[in-house]
Amino acid sequence: QAGGSLRLSCSASASTFRFFSLGWFRQVPGKDREFV
C-alpha cells in the first residue's frame, strides 16, 4: 500500500563483489530503465 515499505535484496555471484560499485535501477513497461 502507498506509504508502506519494502526491502529489496540482490544476491550476487561475483567472487570479488566487495570491489564492485552497486546500483539499483527500475523500469516501467514502455520506458527506459532509470537510475534509482
PDB file of all heavy atoms in Angstrom:
ATOM      1  N   GLN A   1       0.835  -1.199   0.000  1.00  0.00           N
ATOM      2  CA  GLN A   1       0.000   0.000   0.000  1.00  0.00           C
ATOM      3  C   GLN A   1       0.869   1.248   0.000  1.00  0.00           C
ATOM      4  O   GLN A   1       1.967   1.272   0.562  1.00  0.00           O
ATOM      5  CB  GLN A   1      -0.922  -0.009   1.212  1.00  0.00           C
ATOM      6  CG  GLN A   1      -1.984   1.078   1.197  1.00  0.00           C
ATOM      7  CD  GLN A   1      -2.993   0.907   2.319  1.00  0.00           C
ATOM      8  OE1 GLN A   1      -2.807   0.104   3.228  1.00  0.00           O
ATOM      9  NE2 GLN A   1      -4.081   1.666   2.253  1.00  0.00           N
ATOM     10  N   ALA A   2       0.384   2.305  -0.624  1.00  0.00           N
ATOM     11  CA  ALA A   2       1.092   3.578  -0.600  1.00  0.00           C
ATOM     12  C   ALA A   2       1.407   3.982   0.834  1.00  0.00           C
ATOM     13  O   ALA A   2       0.559   3.870   1.725  1.00  0.00           O
ATOM     14  CB  ALA A   2       0.266   4.656  -1.290  1.00  0.00           C
ATOM     15  N   GLY A   3       2.630   4.461   1.037  1.00  0.00           N
ATOM     16  CA  GLY A   3       3.098   4.804   2.364  1.00  0.00           C
ATOM     17  C   GLY A   3       3.836   3.685   3.070  1.00  0.00           C
ATOM     18  O   GLY A   3       4.488   3.929   4.092  1.00  0.00           O
ATOM     19  N   GLY A   4       3.759   2.487   2.527  1.00  0.00           N
ATOM     20  CA  GLY A   4       4.417   1.344   3.129  1.00  0.00           C
ATOM     21  C   GLY A   4       5.866   1.217   2.723  1.00  0.00           C
ATOM     22  O   GLY A   4       6.424   2.078   2.041  1.00  0.00           O
ATOM     23  N   SER A   5       6.471   0.108   3.136  1.00  0.00           N
ATOM     24  CA  SER A   5       7.899  -0.116   2.924  1.00  0.00           C
ATOM     25  C   SER A   5       8.164  -1.510   2.375  1.00  0.00           C
ATOM     26  O   SER A   5       7.409  -2.455   2.627  1.00  0.00           O
ATOM     27  CB  SER A   5       8.669   0.035   4.243  1.00  0.00           C
ATOM     28  OG  SER A   5       8.552   1.337   4.775  1.00  0.00           O
ATOM     29  N   LEU A   6       9.246  -1.620   1.630  1.00  0.00           N
ATOM     30  CA  LEU A   6       9.778  -2.890   1.170  1.00  0.00           C
ATOM     31  C   LEU A   6      11.295  -2.826   1.239  1.00  0.00           C
ATOM     32  O   LEU A   6      11.880  -1.749   1.121  1.00  0.00           O
ATOM     33  CB  LEU A   6       9.365  -3.193  -0.271  1.00  0.00           C
ATOM     34  CG  LEU A   6       7.919  -3.578  -0.557  1.00  0.00           C
ATOM     35  CD1 LEU A   6       7.700  -3.654  -2.062  1.00  0.00           C
ATOM     36  CD2 LEU A   6       7.566  -4.907   0.095  1.00  0.00           C
ATOM     37  N   ARG A   7      11.907  -3.991   1.407  1.00  0.00           N
ATOM     38  CA  ARG A   7      13.358  -4.101   1.348  1.00  0.00           C
ATOM     39  C   ARG A   7      13.728  -5.097   0.262  1.00  0.00           C
ATOM     40  O   ARG A   7      13.416  -6.287   0.374  1.00  0.00           O
ATOM     41  CB  ARG A   7      13.942  -4.559   2.682  1.00  0.00           C
ATOM     42  CG  ARG A   7      15.470  -4.458   2.746  1.00  0.00           C
ATOM     43  CD  ARG A   7      16.003  -5.210   3.940  1.00  0.00           C
ATOM     44  NE  ARG A   7      17.384  -4.852   4.248  1.00  0.00           N
ATOM     45  CZ  ARG A   7      18.188  -5.585   5.004  1.00  0.00           C
ATOM     46  NH1 ARG A   7      17.755  -6.713   5.550  1.00  0.00           N
ATOM     47  NH2 ARG A   7      19.430  -5.174   5.240  1.00  0.00           N
ATOM     48  N   LEU A   8      14.376  -4.617  -0.781  1.00  0.00           N
ATOM     49  CA  LEU A   8      14.818  -5.462  -1.865  1.00  0.00           C
ATOM     50  C   LEU A   8      16.211  -6.004  -1.580  1.00  0.00           C
ATOM     51  O   LEU A   8      17.048  -5.312  -0.999  1.00  0.00           O
ATOM     52  CB  LEU A   8      14.840  -4.688  -3.183  1.00  0.00           C
ATOM     53  CG  LEU A   8      13.560  -3.963  -3.582  1.00  0.00           C
ATOM     54  CD1 LEU A   8      13.730  -3.345  -4.971  1.00  0.00           C
ATOM     55  CD2 LEU A   8      12.363  -4.899  -3.543  1.00  0.00           C
ATOM     56  N   SER A   9      16.454  -7.236  -2.006  1.00  0.00           N
ATOM     57  CA  SER A   9      17.752  -7.866  -1.866  1.00  0.00           C
ATOM     58  C   SER A   9      18.244  -8.322  -3.225  1.00  0.00           C
ATOM     59  O   SER A   9      17.456  -8.680  -4.101  1.00  0.00           O
ATOM     60  CB  SER A   9      17.688  -9.072  -0.925  1.00  0.00           C
ATOM     61  OG  SER A   9      17.309  -8.695   0.374  1.00  0.00           O
ATOM     62  N   CYS A  10      19.548  -8.334  -3.387  1.00  0.00           N
ATOM     63  CA  CYS A  10      20.198  -8.777  -4.615  1.00  0.00           C
ATOM     64  C   CYS A  10      21.372  -9.652  -4.220  1.00  0.00           C
ATOM     65  O   CYS A  10      22.394  -9.143  -3.747  1.00  0.00           O
ATOM     66  CB  CYS A  10      20.653  -7.571  -5.434  1.00  0.00           C
ATOM     67  SG  CYS A  10      21.696  -7.957  -6.849  1.00  0.00           S
ATOM     68  N   SER A  11      21.210 -10.962  -4.381  1.00  0.00           N
ATOM     69  CA  SER A  11      22.263 -11.916  -4.044  1.00  0.00           C
ATOM     70  C   SER A  11      23.061 -12.218  -5.300  1.00  0.00           C
ATOM     71  O   SER A  11      22.535 -12.789  -6.255  1.00  0.00           O
ATOM     72  CB  SER A  11      21.666 -13.198  -3.475  1.00  0.00           C
ATOM     73  OG  SER A  11      20.981 -12.945  -2.269  1.00  0.00           O
ATOM     74  N   ALA A  12      24.336 -11.865  -5.293  1.00  0.00           N
ATOM     75  CA  ALA A  12      25.165 -11.886  -6.487  1.00  0.00           C
ATOM     76  C   ALA A  12      26.199 -13.000  -6.449  1.00  0.00           C
ATOM     77  O   ALA A  12      26.580 -13.496  -5.381  1.00  0.00           O
ATOM     78  CB  ALA A  12      25.865 -10.543  -6.666  1.00  0.00           C
ATOM     79  N   SER A  13      26.679 -13.369  -7.640  1.00  0.00           N
ATOM     80  CA  SER A  13      27.633 -14.460  -7.787  1.00  0.00           C
ATOM     81  C   SER A  13      29.090 -14.015  -7.790  1.00  0.00           C
ATOM     82  O   SER A  13      29.976 -14.857  -7.722  1.00  0.00           O
ATOM     83  CB  SER A  13      27.357 -15.218  -9.087  1.00  0.00           C
ATOM     84  OG  SER A  13      27.585 -14.397 -10.216  1.00  0.00           O
ATOM     85  N   ALA A  14      29.353 -12.738  -7.884  1.00  0.00           N
ATOM     86  CA  ALA A  14      30.714 -12.238  -8.075  1.00  0.00           C
ATOM     87  C   ALA A  14      31.612 -12.591  -6.902  1.00  0.00           C
ATOM     88  O   ALA A  14      31.306 -12.272  -5.753  1.00  0.00           O
ATOM     89  CB  ALA A  14      30.696 -10.732  -8.277  1.00  0.00           C
ATOM     90  N   SER A  15      32.736 -13.226  -7.209  1.00  0.00           N
ATOM     91  CA  SER A  15      33.699 -13.567  -6.161  1.00  0.00           C
ATOM     92  C   SER A  15      34.399 -12.335  -5.603  1.00  0.00           C
ATOM     93  O   SER A  15      34.901 -12.375  -4.477  1.00  0.00           O
ATOM     94  CB  SER A  15      34.727 -14.561  -6.694  1.00  0.00           C
ATOM     95  OG  SER A  15      35.459 -14.009  -7.780  1.00  0.00           O
ATOM     96  N   THR A  16      34.428 -11.274  -6.385  1.00  0.00           N
ATOM     97  CA  THR A  16      35.029 -10.013  -5.948  1.00  0.00           C
ATOM     98  C   THR A  16      33.957  -8.954  -5.722  1.00  0.00           C
ATOM     99  O   THR A  16      34.180  -7.770  -5.976  1.00  0.00           O
ATOM    100  CB  THR A  16      36.057  -9.523  -6.978  1.00  0.00           C
ATOM    101  OG1 THR A  16      35.454  -9.434  -8.270  1.00  0.00           O
ATOM    102  CG2 THR A  16      37.243 -10.475  -7.044  1.00  0.00           C
ATOM    103  N   PHE A  17      32.828  -9.374  -5.225  1.00  0.00           N
ATOM    104  CA  PHE A  17      31.686  -8.493  -5.001  1.00  0.00           C
ATOM    105  C   PHE A  17      32.080  -7.222  -4.252  1.00  0.00           C
ATOM    106  O   PHE A  17      31.594  -6.134  -4.581  1.00  0.00           O
ATOM    107  CB  PHE A  17      30.612  -9.261  -4.224  1.00  0.00           C
ATOM    108  CG  PHE A  17      29.396  -8.456  -3.870  1.00  0.00           C
ATOM    109  CD1 PHE A  17      28.340  -8.338  -4.757  1.00  0.00           C
ATOM    110  CD2 PHE A  17      29.306  -7.819  -2.640  1.00  0.00           C
ATOM    111  CE1 PHE A  17      27.218  -7.603  -4.433  1.00  0.00           C
ATOM    112  CE2 PHE A  17      28.186  -7.089  -2.298  1.00  0.00           C
ATOM    113  CZ  PHE A  17      27.143  -6.980  -3.201  1.00  0.00           C
ATOM    114  N   ARG A  18      32.957  -7.362  -3.261  1.00  0.00           N
ATOM    115  CA  ARG A  18      33.295  -6.227  -2.413  1.00  0.00           C
ATOM    116  C   ARG A  18      33.957  -5.089  -3.169  1.00  0.00           C
ATOM    117  O   ARG A  18      33.986  -3.962  -2.673  1.00  0.00           O
ATOM    118  CB  ARG A  18      34.189  -6.677  -1.260  1.00  0.00           C
ATOM    119  CG  ARG A  18      35.548  -7.210  -1.687  1.00  0.00           C
ATOM    120  CD  ARG A  18      36.252  -7.865  -0.512  1.00  0.00           C
ATOM    121  NE  ARG A  18      37.549  -8.407  -0.881  1.00  0.00           N
ATOM    122  CZ  ARG A  18      37.719  -9.586  -1.476  1.00  0.00           C
ATOM    123  NH1 ARG A  18      36.678 -10.345  -1.787  1.00  0.00           N
ATOM    124  NH2 ARG A  18      38.945 -10.007  -1.774  1.00  0.00           N
ATOM    125  N   PHE A  19      34.488  -5.365  -4.358  1.00  0.00           N
ATOM    126  CA  PHE A  19      35.156  -4.341  -5.151  1.00  0.00           C
ATOM    127  C   PHE A  19      34.261  -3.734  -6.229  1.00  0.00           C
ATOM    128  O   PHE A  19      34.700  -2.849  -6.966  1.00  0.00           O
ATOM    129  CB  PHE A  19      36.425  -4.898  -5.803  1.00  0.00           C
ATOM    130  CG  PHE A  19      37.471  -5.320  -4.810  1.00  0.00           C
ATOM    131  CD1 PHE A  19      37.981  -6.613  -4.817  1.00  0.00           C
ATOM    132  CD2 PHE A  19      37.943  -4.427  -3.864  1.00  0.00           C
ATOM    133  CE1 PHE A  19      38.941  -7.008  -3.907  1.00  0.00           C
ATOM    134  CE2 PHE A  19      38.907  -4.812  -2.947  1.00  0.00           C
ATOM    135  CZ  PHE A  19      39.406  -6.099  -2.969  1.00  0.00           C
ATOM    136  N   PHE A  20      33.029  -4.198  -6.334  1.00  0.00           N
ATOM    137  CA  PHE A  20      32.087  -3.629  -7.283  1.00  0.00           C
ATOM    138  C   PHE A  20      31.348  -2.454  -6.668  1.00  0.00           C
ATOM    139  O   PHE A  20      30.937  -2.500  -5.502  1.00  0.00           O
ATOM    140  CB  PHE A  20      31.049  -4.670  -7.719  1.00  0.00           C
ATOM    141  CG  PHE A  20      31.520  -5.633  -8.758  1.00  0.00           C
ATOM    142  CD1 PHE A  20      32.244  -6.754  -8.410  1.00  0.00           C
ATOM    143  CD2 PHE A  20      31.218  -5.416 -10.093  1.00  0.00           C
ATOM    144  CE1 PHE A  20      32.673  -7.654  -9.365  1.00  0.00           C
ATOM    145  CE2 PHE A  20      31.639  -6.314 -11.066  1.00  0.00           C
ATOM    146  CZ  PHE A  20      32.368  -7.432 -10.698  1.00  0.00           C
ATOM    147  N   SER A  21      31.175  -1.410  -7.456  1.00  0.00           N
ATOM    148  CA  SER A  21      30.181  -0.414  -7.123  1.00  0.00           C
ATOM    149  C   SER A  21      28.816  -0.937  -7.554  1.00  0.00           C
ATOM    150  O   SER A  21      28.701  -1.638  -8.561  1.00  0.00           O
ATOM    151  CB  SER A  21      30.488   0.914  -7.809  1.00  0.00           C
ATOM    152  OG  SER A  21      31.643   1.510  -7.244  1.00  0.00           O
ATOM    153  N   LEU A  22      27.799  -0.596  -6.787  1.00  0.00           N
ATOM    154  CA  LEU A  22      26.474  -1.156  -6.969  1.00  0.00           C
ATOM    155  C   LEU A  22      25.480  -0.089  -7.411  1.00  0.00           C
ATOM    156  O   LEU A  22      25.634   1.093  -7.102  1.00  0.00           O
ATOM    157  CB  LEU A  22      25.976  -1.771  -5.665  1.00  0.00           C
ATOM    158  CG  LEU A  22      26.881  -2.807  -5.009  1.00  0.00           C
ATOM    159  CD1 LEU A  22      26.332  -3.191  -3.644  1.00  0.00           C
ATOM    160  CD2 LEU A  22      27.017  -4.037  -5.895  1.00  0.00           C
ATOM    161  N   GLY A  23      24.459  -0.541  -8.095  1.00  0.00           N
ATOM    162  CA  GLY A  23      23.373   0.348  -8.463  1.00  0.00           C
ATOM    163  C   GLY A  23      22.051  -0.383  -8.447  1.00  0.00           C
ATOM    164  O   GLY A  23      21.989  -1.596  -8.660  1.00  0.00           O
ATOM    165  N   TRP A  24      21.008   0.355  -8.152  1.00  0.00           N
ATOM    166  CA  TRP A  24      19.642  -0.107  -8.332  1.00  0.00           C
ATOM    167  C   TRP A  24      18.987   0.766  -9.391  1.00  0.00           C
ATOM    168  O   TRP A  24      19.111   1.998  -9.357  1.00  0.00           O
ATOM    169  CB  TRP A  24      18.836  -0.035  -7.037  1.00  0.00           C
ATOM    170  CG  TRP A  24      19.152  -1.114  -6.050  1.00  0.00           C
ATOM    171  CD1 TRP A  24      20.019  -1.057  -5.010  1.00  0.00           C
ATOM    172  CD2 TRP A  24      18.570  -2.427  -6.016  1.00  0.00           C
ATOM    173  NE1 TRP A  24      20.032  -2.239  -4.321  1.00  0.00           N
ATOM    174  CE2 TRP A  24      19.151  -3.102  -4.918  1.00  0.00           C
ATOM    175  CE3 TRP A  24      17.628  -3.094  -6.791  1.00  0.00           C
ATOM    176  CZ2 TRP A  24      18.808  -4.418  -4.584  1.00  0.00           C
ATOM    177  CZ3 TRP A  24      17.293  -4.403  -6.460  1.00  0.00           C
ATOM    178  CH2 TRP A  24      17.883  -5.045  -5.367  1.00  0.00           C
ATOM    179  N   PHE A  25      18.316   0.106 -10.315  1.00  0.00           N
ATOM    180  CA  PHE A  25      17.599   0.764 -11.399  1.00  0.00           C
ATOM    181  C   PHE A  25      16.173   0.248 -11.416  1.00  0.00           C
ATOM    182  O   PHE A  25      15.883  -0.812 -10.863  1.00  0.00           O
ATOM    183  CB  PHE A  25      18.273   0.484 -12.742  1.00  0.00           C
ATOM    184  CG  PHE A  25      19.656   1.061 -12.872  1.00  0.00           C
ATOM    185  CD1 PHE A  25      20.739   0.456 -12.256  1.00  0.00           C
ATOM    186  CD2 PHE A  25      19.876   2.208 -13.616  1.00  0.00           C
ATOM    187  CE1 PHE A  25      22.018   0.972 -12.371  1.00  0.00           C
ATOM    188  CE2 PHE A  25      21.146   2.744 -13.746  1.00  0.00           C
ATOM    189  CZ  PHE A  25      22.217   2.129 -13.127  1.00  0.00           C
ATOM    190  N   ARG A  26      15.289   0.975 -12.066  1.00  0.00           N
ATOM    191  CA  ARG A  26      13.918   0.500 -12.196  1.00  0.00           C
ATOM    192  C   ARG A  26      13.397   0.802 -13.590  1.00  0.00           C
ATOM    193  O   ARG A  26      13.879   1.703 -14.274  1.00  0.00           O
ATOM    194  CB  ARG A  26      13.010   1.114 -11.135  1.00  0.00           C
ATOM    195  CG  ARG A  26      12.740   2.603 -11.286  1.00  0.00           C
ATOM    196  CD  ARG A  26      11.989   3.120 -10.067  1.00  0.00           C
ATOM    197  NE  ARG A  26      11.539   4.490 -10.229  1.00  0.00           N
ATOM    198  CZ  ARG A  26      10.994   5.214  -9.255  1.00  0.00           C
ATOM    199  NH1 ARG A  26      10.831   4.687  -8.040  1.00  0.00           N
ATOM    200  NH2 ARG A  26      10.604   6.461  -9.502  1.00  0.00           N
ATOM    201  N   GLN A  27      12.386   0.038 -13.993  1.00  0.00           N
ATOM    202  CA  GLN A  27      11.839   0.187 -15.326  1.00  0.00           C
ATOM    203  C   GLN A  27      10.341  -0.063 -15.323  1.00  0.00           C
ATOM    204  O   GLN A  27       9.864  -1.027 -14.727  1.00  0.00           O
ATOM    205  CB  GLN A  27      12.518  -0.773 -16.301  1.00  0.00           C
ATOM    206  CG  GLN A  27      12.124  -0.570 -17.751  1.00  0.00           C
ATOM    207  CD  GLN A  27      12.975  -1.400 -18.695  1.00  0.00           C
ATOM    208  OE1 GLN A  27      13.468  -2.459 -18.326  1.00  0.00           O
ATOM    209  NE2 GLN A  27      13.157  -0.901 -19.909  1.00  0.00           N
ATOM    210  N   VAL A  28       9.624   0.812 -15.998  1.00  0.00           N
ATOM    211  CA  VAL A  28       8.199   0.666 -16.252  1.00  0.00           C
ATOM    212  C   VAL A  28       8.050   0.243 -17.707  1.00  0.00           C
ATOM    213  O   VAL A  28       8.791   0.728 -18.568  1.00  0.00           O
ATOM    214  CB  VAL A  28       7.463   1.991 -15.992  1.00  0.00           C
ATOM    215  CG1 VAL A  28       5.989   1.880 -16.352  1.00  0.00           C
ATOM    216  CG2 VAL A  28       7.629   2.410 -14.538  1.00  0.00           C
ATOM    217  N   PRO A  29       7.112  -0.653 -18.026  1.00  0.00           N
ATOM    218  CA  PRO A  29       6.938  -1.060 -19.418  1.00  0.00           C
ATOM    219  C   PRO A  29       6.784   0.127 -20.354  1.00  0.00           C
ATOM    220  O   PRO A  29       6.035   1.064 -20.064  1.00  0.00           O
ATOM    221  CB  PRO A  29       5.653  -1.897 -19.376  1.00  0.00           C
ATOM    222  CG  PRO A  29       5.650  -2.483 -18.006  1.00  0.00           C
ATOM    223  CD  PRO A  29       6.208  -1.396 -17.127  1.00  0.00           C
ATOM    224  N   GLY A  30       7.525   0.085 -21.466  1.00  0.00           N
ATOM    225  CA  GLY A  30       7.468   1.149 -22.443  1.00  0.00           C
ATOM    226  C   GLY A  30       8.393   2.317 -22.174  1.00  0.00           C
ATOM    227  O   GLY A  30       8.452   3.241 -22.992  1.00  0.00           O
ATOM    228  N   LYS A  31       9.108   2.284 -21.053  1.00  0.00           N
ATOM    229  CA  LYS A  31      10.026   3.362 -20.716  1.00  0.00           C
ATOM    230  C   LYS A  31      11.428   2.804 -20.496  1.00  0.00           C
ATOM    231  O   LYS A  31      11.619   1.613 -20.272  1.00  0.00           O
ATOM    232  CB  LYS A  31       9.566   4.101 -19.460  1.00  0.00           C
ATOM    233  CG  LYS A  31       8.218   4.777 -19.584  1.00  0.00           C
ATOM    234  CD  LYS A  31       7.874   5.572 -18.340  1.00  0.00           C
ATOM    235  CE  LYS A  31       8.800   6.758 -18.168  1.00  0.00           C
ATOM    236  NZ  LYS A  31       8.424   7.587 -16.980  1.00  0.00           N
ATOM    237  N   ASP A  32      12.413   3.682 -20.588  1.00  0.00           N
ATOM    238  CA  ASP A  32      13.797   3.294 -20.322  1.00  0.00           C
ATOM    239  C   ASP A  32      14.005   3.012 -18.839  1.00  0.00           C
ATOM    240  O   ASP A  32      13.312   3.554 -17.979  1.00  0.00           O
ATOM    241  CB  ASP A  32      14.760   4.398 -20.752  1.00  0.00           C
ATOM    242  CG  ASP A  32      14.797   4.612 -22.238  1.00  0.00           C
ATOM    243  OD1 ASP A  32      14.486   3.680 -22.990  1.00  0.00           O
ATOM    244  OD2 ASP A  32      15.160   5.735 -22.652  1.00  0.00           O
ATOM    245  N   ARG A  33      14.980   2.169 -18.558  1.00  0.00           N
ATOM    246  CA  ARG A  33      15.390   1.995 -17.174  1.00  0.00           C
ATOM    247  C   ARG A  33      15.970   3.295 -16.645  1.00  0.00           C
ATOM    248  O   ARG A  33      16.676   4.009 -17.361  1.00  0.00           O
ATOM    249  CB  ARG A  33      16.429   0.884 -17.059  1.00  0.00           C
ATOM    250  CG  ARG A  33      15.879  -0.484 -17.303  1.00  0.00           C
ATOM    251  CD  ARG A  33      16.877  -1.576 -16.992  1.00  0.00           C
ATOM    252  NE  ARG A  33      16.400  -2.857 -17.516  1.00  0.00           N
ATOM    253  CZ  ARG A  33      16.996  -4.016 -17.330  1.00  0.00           C
ATOM    254  NH1 ARG A  33      18.113  -4.078 -16.628  1.00  0.00           N
ATOM    255  NH2 ARG A  33      16.488  -5.116 -17.846  1.00  0.00           N
ATOM    256  N   GLU A  34      15.680   3.572 -15.388  1.00  0.00           N
ATOM    257  CA  GLU A  34      16.178   4.787 -14.780  1.00  0.00           C
ATOM    258  C   GLU A  34      16.952   4.470 -13.508  1.00  0.00           C
ATOM    259  O   GLU A  34      16.652   3.517 -12.789  1.00  0.00           O
ATOM    260  CB  GLU A  34      15.045   5.776 -14.481  1.00  0.00           C
ATOM    261  CG  GLU A  34      13.995   5.270 -13.527  1.00  0.00           C
ATOM    262  CD  GLU A  34      12.855   6.250 -13.325  1.00  0.00           C
ATOM    263  OE1 GLU A  34      12.929   7.383 -13.871  1.00  0.00           O
ATOM    264  OE2 GLU A  34      11.891   5.903 -12.631  1.00  0.00           O
ATOM    265  N   PHE A  35      17.936   5.289 -13.246  1.00  0.00           N
ATOM    266  CA  PHE A  35      18.767   5.141 -12.063  1.00  0.00           C
ATOM    267  C   PHE A  35      17.982   5.477 -10.819  1.00  0.00           C
ATOM    268  O   PHE A  35      17.254   6.469 -10.770  1.00  0.00           O
ATOM    269  CB  PHE A  35      19.987   6.060 -12.180  1.00  0.00           C
ATOM    270  CG  PHE A  35      20.843   6.116 -10.959  1.00  0.00           C
ATOM    271  CD1 PHE A  35      21.754   5.117 -10.685  1.00  0.00           C
ATOM    272  CD2 PHE A  35      20.742   7.183 -10.083  1.00  0.00           C
ATOM    273  CE1 PHE A  35      22.554   5.175  -9.559  1.00  0.00           C
ATOM    274  CE2 PHE A  35      21.537   7.253  -8.955  1.00  0.00           C
ATOM    275  CZ  PHE A  35      22.446   6.236  -8.700  1.00  0.00           C
ATOM    276  N   VAL A  36      18.138   4.653  -9.793  1.00  0.00           N
ATOM    277  CA  VAL A  36      17.470   4.864  -8.516  1.00  0.00           C
ATOM    278  C   VAL A  36      18.474   5.209  -7.417  1.00  0.00           C
ATOM    279  O   VAL A  36      18.320   6.211  -6.716  1.00  0.00           O
ATOM    280  CB  VAL A  36      16.652   3.631  -8.102  1.00  0.00           C
ATOM    281  CG1 VAL A  36      16.058   3.815  -6.706  1.00  0.00           C
ATOM    282  CG2 VAL A  36      15.552   3.352  -9.117  1.00  0.00           C
TER     283      VAL A  36
END
